[in-house]
């Protein structure tokens, strides 16, 4: 759910009724997925336009490099600044 676990915990903790808490948590999960889908679709559609289509491989490479660096930082094998 993309980092919305904290929001889900606060949501459930603030609702006194168990039934309403489960309904609210279900709605939060469903609409989190919907919003992530819409955002990904919009970004993907934007990257397929002709001026930006050359940018996609560069963004993928930068993203992969960041992921590798972040994983190595988590394993204390590379400097991690945050």
PDB file of N, CA and C in Angstrom:
ATOM      1  N   UNK A   1       0.812  -1.188   0.000  1.00  0.00           N
ATOM      2  CA  UNK A   1       0.000   0.000   0.000  1.00  0.00           C
ATOM      3  C   UNK A   1       0.853   1.249   0.000  1.00  0.00           C
ATOM      4  N   UNK A   2       2.111   1.122  -0.293  1.00  0.00           N
ATOM      5  CA  UNK A   2       2.927   2.299  -0.573  1.00  0.00           C
ATOM      6  C   UNK A   2       3.132   3.263   0.574  1.00  0.00           C
ATOM      7  N   UNK A   3       3.407   2.818   1.757  1.00  0.00           N
ATOM      8  CA  UNK A   3       3.686   3.721   2.848  1.00  0.00           C
ATOM      9  C   UNK A   3       2.467   4.249   3.573  1.00  0.00           C
ATOM     10  N   UNK A   4       1.315   3.683   3.319  1.00  0.00           N
ATOM     11  CA  UNK A   4       0.106   4.166   3.975  1.00  0.00           C
ATOM     12  C   UNK A   4      -0.235   3.355   5.227  1.00  0.00           C
ATOM     13  N   UNK A   5       0.679   2.514   5.670  1.00  0.00           N
ATOM     14  CA  UNK A   5       0.413   1.694   6.858  1.00  0.00           C
ATOM     15  C   UNK A   5       0.222   2.563   8.103  1.00  0.00           C
ATOM     16  N   UNK A   6       1.021   3.616   8.220  1.00  0.00           N
ATOM     17  CA  UNK A   6       0.872   4.517   9.362  1.00  0.00           C
ATOM     18  C   UNK A   6      -0.486   5.206   9.368  1.00  0.00           C
ATOM     19  N   UNK A   7      -0.935   5.602   8.200  1.00  0.00           N
ATOM     20  CA  UNK A   7      -2.254   6.223   8.086  1.00  0.00           C
ATOM     21  C   UNK A   7      -3.332   5.204   8.451  1.00  0.00           C
ATOM     22  N   UNK A   8      -3.158   3.974   8.015  1.00  0.00           N
ATOM     23  CA  UNK A   8      -4.128   2.920   8.338  1.00  0.00           C
ATOM     24  C   UNK A   8      -4.208   2.653   9.826  1.00  0.00           C
ATOM     25  N   UNK A   9      -3.059   2.633  10.492  1.00  0.00           N
ATOM     26  CA  UNK A   9      -3.045   2.417  11.941  1.00  0.00           C
ATOM     27  C   UNK A   9      -3.740   3.567  12.658  1.00  0.00           C
ATOM     28  N   UNK A  10      -3.446   4.803  12.262  1.00  0.00           N
ATOM     29  CA  UNK A  10      -4.106   5.953  12.884  1.00  0.00           C
ATOM     30  C   UNK A  10      -5.605   5.954  12.611  1.00  0.00           C
ATOM     31  N   UNK A  11      -5.977   5.567  11.395  1.00  0.00           N
ATOM     32  CA  UNK A  11      -7.395   5.518  11.037  1.00  0.00           C
ATOM     33  C   UNK A  11      -8.145   4.518  11.905  1.00  0.00           C
ATOM     34  N   UNK A  12      -7.612   3.313  11.996  1.00  0.00           N
ATOM     35  CA  UNK A  12      -8.280   2.268  12.781  1.00  0.00           C
ATOM     36  C   UNK A  12      -8.295   2.629  14.260  1.00  0.00           C
ATOM     37  N   UNK A  13      -7.219   3.240  14.745  1.00  0.00           N
ATOM     38  CA  UNK A  13      -7.154   3.610  16.163  1.00  0.00           C
ATOM     39  C   UNK A  13      -8.145   4.716  16.514  1.00  0.00           C
ATOM     40  N   UNK A  14      -8.490   5.546  15.551  1.00  0.00           N
ATOM     41  CA  UNK A  14      -9.377   6.666  15.852  1.00  0.00           C
ATOM     42  C   UNK A  14     -10.856   6.312  15.737  1.00  0.00           C
ATOM     43  N   UNK A  15     -11.175   5.153  15.202  1.00  0.00           N
ATOM     44  CA  UNK A  15     -12.573   4.746  15.038  1.00  0.00           C
ATOM     45  C   UNK A  15     -12.920   3.736  16.122  1.00  0.00           C
ATOM     46  N   UNK A  16     -13.971   4.014  16.863  1.00  0.00           N
ATOM     47  CA  UNK A  16     -14.330   3.160  17.996  1.00  0.00           C
ATOM     48  C   UNK A  16     -15.039   1.885  17.572  1.00  0.00           C
ATOM     49  N   UNK A  17     -15.820   1.922  16.522  1.00  0.00           N
ATOM     50  CA  UNK A  17     -16.562   0.756  16.064  1.00  0.00           C
ATOM     51  C   UNK A  17     -15.667  -0.143  15.209  1.00  0.00           C
ATOM     52  N   UNK A  18     -15.653  -1.431  15.533  1.00  0.00           N
ATOM     53  CA  UNK A  18     -14.845  -2.383  14.780  1.00  0.00           C
ATOM     54  C   UNK A  18     -15.324  -2.497  13.338  1.00  0.00           C
ATOM     55  N   UNK A  19     -16.632  -2.507  13.152  1.00  0.00           N
ATOM     56  CA  UNK A  19     -17.191  -2.633  11.805  1.00  0.00           C
ATOM     57  C   UNK A  19     -16.794  -1.436  10.957  1.00  0.00           C
ATOM     58  N   UNK A  20     -16.950  -0.233  11.501  1.00  0.00           N
ATOM     59  CA  UNK A  20     -16.580   0.968  10.761  1.00  0.00           C
ATOM     60  C   UNK A  20     -15.065   1.023  10.521  1.00  0.00           C
ATOM     61  N   UNK A  21     -14.288   0.545  11.473  1.00  0.00           N
ATOM     62  CA  UNK A  21     -12.839   0.502  11.310  1.00  0.00           C
ATOM     63  C   UNK A  21     -12.422  -0.402  10.161  1.00  0.00           C
ATOM     64  N   UNK A  22     -13.048  -1.572  10.067  1.00  0.00           N
ATOM     65  CA  UNK A  22     -12.738  -2.501   8.978  1.00  0.00           C
ATOM     66  C   UNK A  22     -13.167  -1.913   7.632  1.00  0.00           C
ATOM     67  N   UNK A  23     -14.331  -1.284   7.604  1.00  0.00           N
ATOM     68  CA  UNK A  23     -14.809  -0.650   6.368  1.00  0.00           C
ATOM     69  C   UNK A  23     -13.863   0.476   5.957  1.00  0.00           C
ATOM     70  N   UNK A  24     -13.474   1.314   6.908  1.00  0.00           N
ATOM     71  CA  UNK A  24     -12.575   2.422   6.606  1.00  0.00           C
ATOM     72  C   UNK A  24     -11.220   1.918   6.122  1.00  0.00           C
ATOM     73  N   UNK A  25     -10.706   0.870   6.746  1.00  0.00           N
ATOM     74  CA  UNK A  25      -9.428   0.310   6.331  1.00  0.00           C
ATOM     75  C   UNK A  25      -9.522  -0.289   4.929  1.00  0.00           C
ATOM     76  N   UNK A  26     -10.628  -0.946   4.631  1.00  0.00           N
ATOM     77  CA  UNK A  26     -10.843  -1.493   3.288  1.00  0.00           C
ATOM     78  C   UNK A  26     -10.913  -0.399   2.231  1.00  0.00           C
ATOM     79  N   UNK A  27     -11.631   0.688   2.552  1.00  0.00           N
ATOM     80  CA  UNK A  27     -11.705   1.817   1.617  1.00  0.00           C
ATOM     81  C   UNK A  27     -10.345   2.484   1.425  1.00  0.00           C
ATOM     82  N   UNK A  28      -9.593   2.625   2.507  1.00  0.00           N
ATOM     83  CA  UNK A  28      -8.265   3.208   2.402  1.00  0.00           C
ATOM     84  C   UNK A  28      -7.383   2.354   1.495  1.00  0.00           C
ATOM     85  N   UNK A  29      -7.416   1.045   1.691  1.00  0.00           N
ATOM     86  CA  UNK A  29      -6.598   0.149   0.867  1.00  0.00           C
ATOM     87  C   UNK A  29      -7.020   0.202  -0.592  1.00  0.00           C
ATOM     88  N   UNK A  30      -8.309   0.166  -0.837  1.00  0.00           N
ATOM     89  CA  UNK A  30      -8.807   0.162  -2.216  1.00  0.00           C
ATOM     90  C   UNK A  30      -8.450   1.458  -2.939  1.00  0.00           C
ATOM     91  N   UNK A  31      -8.692   2.582  -2.295  1.00  0.00           N
ATOM     92  CA  UNK A  31      -8.432   3.847  -2.974  1.00  0.00           C
ATOM     93  C   UNK A  31      -6.958   4.213  -3.001  1.00  0.00           C
ATOM     94  N   UNK A  32      -6.161   3.644  -2.110  1.00  0.00           N
ATOM     95  CA  UNK A  32      -4.709   3.788  -2.234  1.00  0.00           C
ATOM     96  C   UNK A  32      -4.248   3.084  -3.499  1.00  0.00           C
ATOM     97  N   UNK A  33      -4.755   1.876  -3.732  1.00  0.00           N
ATOM     98  CA  UNK A  33      -4.406   1.139  -4.949  1.00  0.00           C
ATOM     99  C   UNK A  33      -4.886   1.874  -6.195  1.00  0.00           C
ATOM    100  N   UNK A  34      -6.091   2.439  -6.152  1.00  0.00           N
ATOM    101  CA  UNK A  34      -6.622   3.182  -7.298  1.00  0.00           C
ATOM    102  C   UNK A  34      -5.754   4.414  -7.584  1.00  0.00           C
ATOM    103  N   UNK A  35      -5.396   5.153  -6.548  1.00  0.00           N
ATOM    104  CA  UNK A  35      -4.593   6.360  -6.765  1.00  0.00           C
ATOM    105  C   UNK A  35      -3.203   6.016  -7.289  1.00  0.00           C
ATOM    106  N   UNK A  36      -2.612   4.933  -6.801  1.00  0.00           N
ATOM    107  CA  UNK A  36      -1.306   4.525  -7.306  1.00  0.00           C
ATOM    108  C   UNK A  36      -1.399   4.081  -8.766  1.00  0.00           C
ATOM    109  N   UNK A  37      -2.480   3.413  -9.125  1.00  0.00           N
ATOM    110  CA  UNK A  37      -2.679   2.988 -10.509  1.00  0.00           C
ATOM    111  C   UNK A  37      -2.825   4.185 -11.426  1.00  0.00           C
ATOM    112  N   UNK A  38      -3.621   5.159 -11.020  1.00  0.00           N
ATOM    113  CA  UNK A  38      -3.821   6.346 -11.846  1.00  0.00           C
ATOM    114  C   UNK A  38      -2.529   7.141 -12.009  1.00  0.00           C
ATOM    115  N   UNK A  39      -1.781   7.275 -10.937  1.00  0.00           N
ATOM    116  CA  UNK A  39      -0.527   8.014 -11.013  1.00  0.00           C
ATOM    117  C   UNK A  39       0.475   7.289 -11.909  1.00  0.00           C
ATOM    118  N   UNK A  40       0.579   5.981 -11.772  1.00  0.00           N
ATOM    119  CA  UNK A  40       1.496   5.209 -12.619  1.00  0.00           C
ATOM    120  C   UNK A  40       1.082   5.269 -14.079  1.00  0.00           C
ATOM    121  N   UNK A  41      -0.207   5.200 -14.330  1.00  0.00           N
ATOM    122  CA  UNK A  41      -0.700   5.290 -15.700  1.00  0.00           C
ATOM    123  C   UNK A  41      -0.386   6.656 -16.300  1.00  0.00           C
ATOM    124  N   UNK A  42      -0.596   7.696 -15.539  1.00  0.00           N
ATOM    125  CA  UNK A  42      -0.303   9.044 -16.027  1.00  0.00           C
ATOM    126  C   UNK A  42       1.174   9.251 -16.308  1.00  0.00           C
ATOM    127  N   UNK A  43       2.024   8.778 -15.406  1.00  0.00           N
ATOM    128  CA  UNK A  43       3.461   8.917 -15.630  1.00  0.00           C
ATOM    129  C   UNK A  43       3.912   8.073 -16.820  1.00  0.00           C
ATOM    130  N   UNK A  44       3.376   6.865 -16.927  1.00  0.00           N
ATOM    131  CA  UNK A  44       3.721   6.011 -18.060  1.00  0.00           C
ATOM    132  C   UNK A  44       3.264   6.605 -19.384  1.00  0.00           C
ATOM    133  N   UNK A  45       2.071   7.154 -19.412  1.00  0.00           N
ATOM    134  CA  UNK A  45       1.564   7.782 -20.631  1.00  0.00           C
ATOM    135  C   UNK A  45       2.402   9.002 -21.001  1.00  0.00           C
ATOM    136  N   UNK A  46       2.815   9.743 -20.007  1.00  0.00           N
ATOM    137  CA  UNK A  46       3.662  10.904 -20.273  1.00  0.00           C
ATOM    138  C   UNK A  46       5.022  10.523 -20.826  1.00  0.00           C
ATOM    139  N   UNK A  47       5.586   9.422 -20.340  1.00  0.00           N
ATOM    140  CA  UNK A  47       6.893   8.986 -20.823  1.00  0.00           C
ATOM    141  C   UNK A  47       6.846   8.389 -22.221  1.00  0.00           C
ATOM    142  N   UNK A  48       5.680   7.986 -22.688  1.00  0.00           N
ATOM    143  CA  UNK A  48       5.599   7.407 -24.030  1.00  0.00           C
ATOM    144  C   UNK A  48       5.414   8.465 -25.109  1.00  0.00           C
ATOM    145  N   UNK A  49       5.243   9.699 -24.742  1.00  0.00           N
ATOM    146  CA  UNK A  49       5.130  10.761 -25.732  1.00  0.00           C
ATOM    147  C   UNK A  49       6.492  10.961 -26.397  1.00  0.00           C
ATOM    148  N   UNK A  50       6.513  11.357 -27.631  1.00  0.00           N
ATOM    149  CA  UNK A  50       7.742  11.404 -28.430  1.00  0.00           C
ATOM    150  C   UNK A  50       8.895  12.185 -27.801  1.00  0.00           C
ATOM    151  N   UNK A  51       8.716  13.411 -27.303  1.00  0.00           N
ATOM    152  CA  UNK A  51       9.886  14.106 -26.756  1.00  0.00           C
ATOM    153  C   UNK A  51      10.473  13.412 -25.525  1.00  0.00           C
ATOM    154  N   UNK A  52       9.636  12.740 -24.755  1.00  0.00           N
ATOM    155  CA  UNK A  52      10.118  12.112 -23.527  1.00  0.00           C
ATOM    156  C   UNK A  52      10.493  10.652 -23.689  1.00  0.00           C
ATOM    157  N   UNK A  53      10.209  10.046 -24.845  1.00  0.00           N
ATOM    158  CA  UNK A  53      10.449   8.620 -24.996  1.00  0.00           C
ATOM    159  C   UNK A  53      11.944   8.297 -24.891  1.00  0.00           C
ATOM    160  N   UNK A  54      12.806   9.234 -25.224  1.00  0.00           N
ATOM    161  CA  UNK A  54      14.248   9.009 -25.087  1.00  0.00           C
ATOM    162  C   UNK A  54      14.700   9.117 -23.639  1.00  0.00           C
ATOM    163  N   UNK A  55      13.897   9.694 -22.812  1.00  0.00           N
ATOM    164  CA  UNK A  55      14.240   9.873 -21.407  1.00  0.00           C
ATOM    165  C   UNK A  55      13.981   8.618 -20.575  1.00  0.00           C
ATOM    166  N   UNK A  56      13.092   7.748 -21.017  1.00  0.00           N
ATOM    167  CA  UNK A  56      12.700   6.573 -20.242  1.00  0.00           C
ATOM    168  C   UNK A  56      13.876   5.654 -19.902  1.00  0.00           C
ATOM    169  N   UNK A  57      14.754   5.287 -20.840  1.00  0.00           N
ATOM    170  CA  UNK A  57      15.889   4.430 -20.461  1.00  0.00           C
ATOM    171  C   UNK A  57      16.813   5.093 -19.441  1.00  0.00           C
ATOM    172  N   UNK A  58      17.015   6.385 -19.565  1.00  0.00           N
ATOM    173  CA  UNK A  58      17.862   7.088 -18.602  1.00  0.00           C
ATOM    174  C   UNK A  58      17.229   7.081 -17.215  1.00  0.00           C
ATOM    175  N   UNK A  59      15.930   7.318 -17.152  1.00  0.00           N
ATOM    176  CA  UNK A  59      15.243   7.275 -15.857  1.00  0.00           C
ATOM    177  C   UNK A  59      15.286   5.879 -15.251  1.00  0.00           C
ATOM    178  N   UNK A  60      15.129   4.858 -16.085  1.00  0.00           N
ATOM    179  CA  UNK A  60      15.216   3.479 -15.603  1.00  0.00           C
ATOM    180  C   UNK A  60      16.593   3.163 -15.061  1.00  0.00           C
ATOM    181  N   UNK A  61      17.628   3.613 -15.747  1.00  0.00           N
ATOM    182  CA  UNK A  61      19.002   3.371 -15.300  1.00  0.00           C
ATOM    183  C   UNK A  61      19.284   4.084 -13.985  1.00  0.00           C
ATOM    184  N   UNK A  62      18.866   5.334 -13.889  1.00  0.00           N
ATOM    185  CA  UNK A  62      19.059   6.088 -12.644  1.00  0.00           C
ATOM    186  C   UNK A  62      18.284   5.432 -11.496  1.00  0.00           C
ATOM    187  N   UNK A  63      17.079   4.983 -11.776  1.00  0.00           N
ATOM    188  CA  UNK A  63      16.269   4.327 -10.757  1.00  0.00           C
ATOM    189  C   UNK A  63      16.911   3.027 -10.277  1.00  0.00           C
ATOM    190  N   UNK A  64      17.419   2.242 -11.214  1.00  0.00           N
ATOM    191  CA  UNK A  64      18.095   0.997 -10.855  1.00  0.00           C
ATOM    192  C   UNK A  64      19.349   1.270 -10.044  1.00  0.00           C
ATOM    193  N   UNK A  65      20.138   2.261 -10.452  1.00  0.00           N
ATOM    194  CA  UNK A  65      21.356   2.604  -9.721  1.00  0.00           C
ATOM    195  C   UNK A  65      21.025   3.067  -8.300  1.00  0.00           C
ATOM    196  N   UNK A  66      19.984   3.867  -8.164  1.00  0.00           N
ATOM    197  CA  UNK A  66      19.583   4.317  -6.828  1.00  0.00           C
ATOM    198  C   UNK A  66      19.145   3.133  -5.966  1.00  0.00           C
ATOM    199  N   UNK A  67      18.378   2.218  -6.540  1.00  0.00           N
ATOM    200  CA  UNK A  67      17.934   1.046  -5.788  1.00  0.00           C
ATOM    201  C   UNK A  67      19.088   0.181  -5.319  1.00  0.00           C
ATOM    202  N   UNK A  68      20.069  -0.022  -6.180  1.00  0.00           N
ATOM    203  CA  UNK A  68      21.251  -0.809  -5.804  1.00  0.00           C
ATOM    204  C   UNK A  68      22.030  -0.086  -4.707  1.00  0.00           C
ATOM    205  N   UNK A  69      22.228   1.223  -4.886  1.00  0.00           N
ATOM    206  CA  UNK A  69      22.944   1.989  -3.866  1.00  0.00           C
ATOM    207  C   UNK A  69      22.207   1.964  -2.528  1.00  0.00           C
ATOM    208  N   UNK A  70      20.896   2.101  -2.567  1.00  0.00           N
ATOM    209  CA  UNK A  70      20.100   2.108  -1.341  1.00  0.00           C
ATOM    210  C   UNK A  70      20.178   0.750  -0.641  1.00  0.00           C
ATOM    211  N   UNK A  71      20.106  -0.340  -1.421  1.00  0.00           N
ATOM    212  CA  UNK A  71      20.206  -1.683  -0.834  1.00  0.00           C
ATOM    213  C   UNK A  71      21.586  -1.901  -0.227  1.00  0.00           C
ATOM    214  N   UNK A  72      22.624  -1.480  -0.917  1.00  0.00           N
ATOM    215  CA  UNK A  72      23.972  -1.617  -0.364  1.00  0.00           C
ATOM    216  C   UNK A  72      24.144  -0.758   0.881  1.00  0.00           C
ATOM    217  N   UNK A  73      23.531   0.412   0.890  1.00  0.00           N
ATOM    218  CA  UNK A  73      23.570   1.253   2.085  1.00  0.00           C
ATOM    219  C   UNK A  73      22.861   0.607   3.259  1.00  0.00           C
ATOM    220  N   UNK A  74      21.756  -0.071   2.989  1.00  0.00           N
ATOM    221  CA  UNK A  74      21.025  -0.764   4.054  1.00  0.00           C
ATOM    222  C   UNK A  74      21.836  -1.914   4.623  1.00  0.00           C
ATOM    223  N   UNK A  75      22.704  -2.496   3.801  1.00  0.00           N
ATOM    224  CA  UNK A  75      23.570  -3.588   4.252  1.00  0.00           C
ATOM    225  C   UNK A  75      24.906  -3.081   4.780  1.00  0.00           C
ATOM    226  N   UNK A  76      25.051  -1.771   4.890  1.00  0.00           N
ATOM    227  CA  UNK A  76      26.282  -1.108   5.363  1.00  0.00           C
ATOM    228  C   UNK A  76      27.462  -1.401   4.445  1.00  0.00           C
ATOM    229  N   UNK A  77      27.219  -1.592   3.166  1.00  0.00           N
ATOM    230  CA  UNK A  77      28.277  -1.837   2.203  1.00  0.00           C
ATOM    231  C   UNK A  77      28.578  -0.601   1.354  1.00  0.00           C
ATOM    232  N   UNK A  78      27.799   0.437   1.528  1.00  0.00           N
ATOM    233  CA  UNK A  78      27.984   1.692   0.800  1.00  0.00           C
ATOM    234  C   UNK A  78      27.560   2.833   1.727  1.00  0.00           C
ATOM    235  N   UNK A  79      28.094   4.031   1.505  1.00  0.00           N
ATOM    236  CA  UNK A  79      27.677   5.150   2.360  1.00  0.00           C
ATOM    237  C   UNK A  79      26.205   5.484   2.158  1.00  0.00           C
ATOM    238  N   UNK A  80      25.517   5.684   3.246  1.00  0.00           N
ATOM    239  CA  UNK A  80      24.089   6.020   3.192  1.00  0.00           C
ATOM    240  C   UNK A  80      23.898   7.308   3.990  1.00  0.00           C
ATOM    241  N   UNK A  81      23.366   8.323   3.330  1.00  0.00           N
ATOM    242  CA  UNK A  81      23.302   9.645   3.928  1.00  0.00           C
ATOM    243  C   UNK A  81      21.961   9.977   4.553  1.00  0.00           C
ATOM    244  N   UNK A  82      21.015   9.057   4.521  1.00  0.00           N
ATOM    245  CA  UNK A  82      19.723   9.348   5.150  1.00  0.00           C
ATOM    246  C   UNK A  82      19.154   8.135   5.794  1.00  0.00           C
TER     247      UNK A  82
END
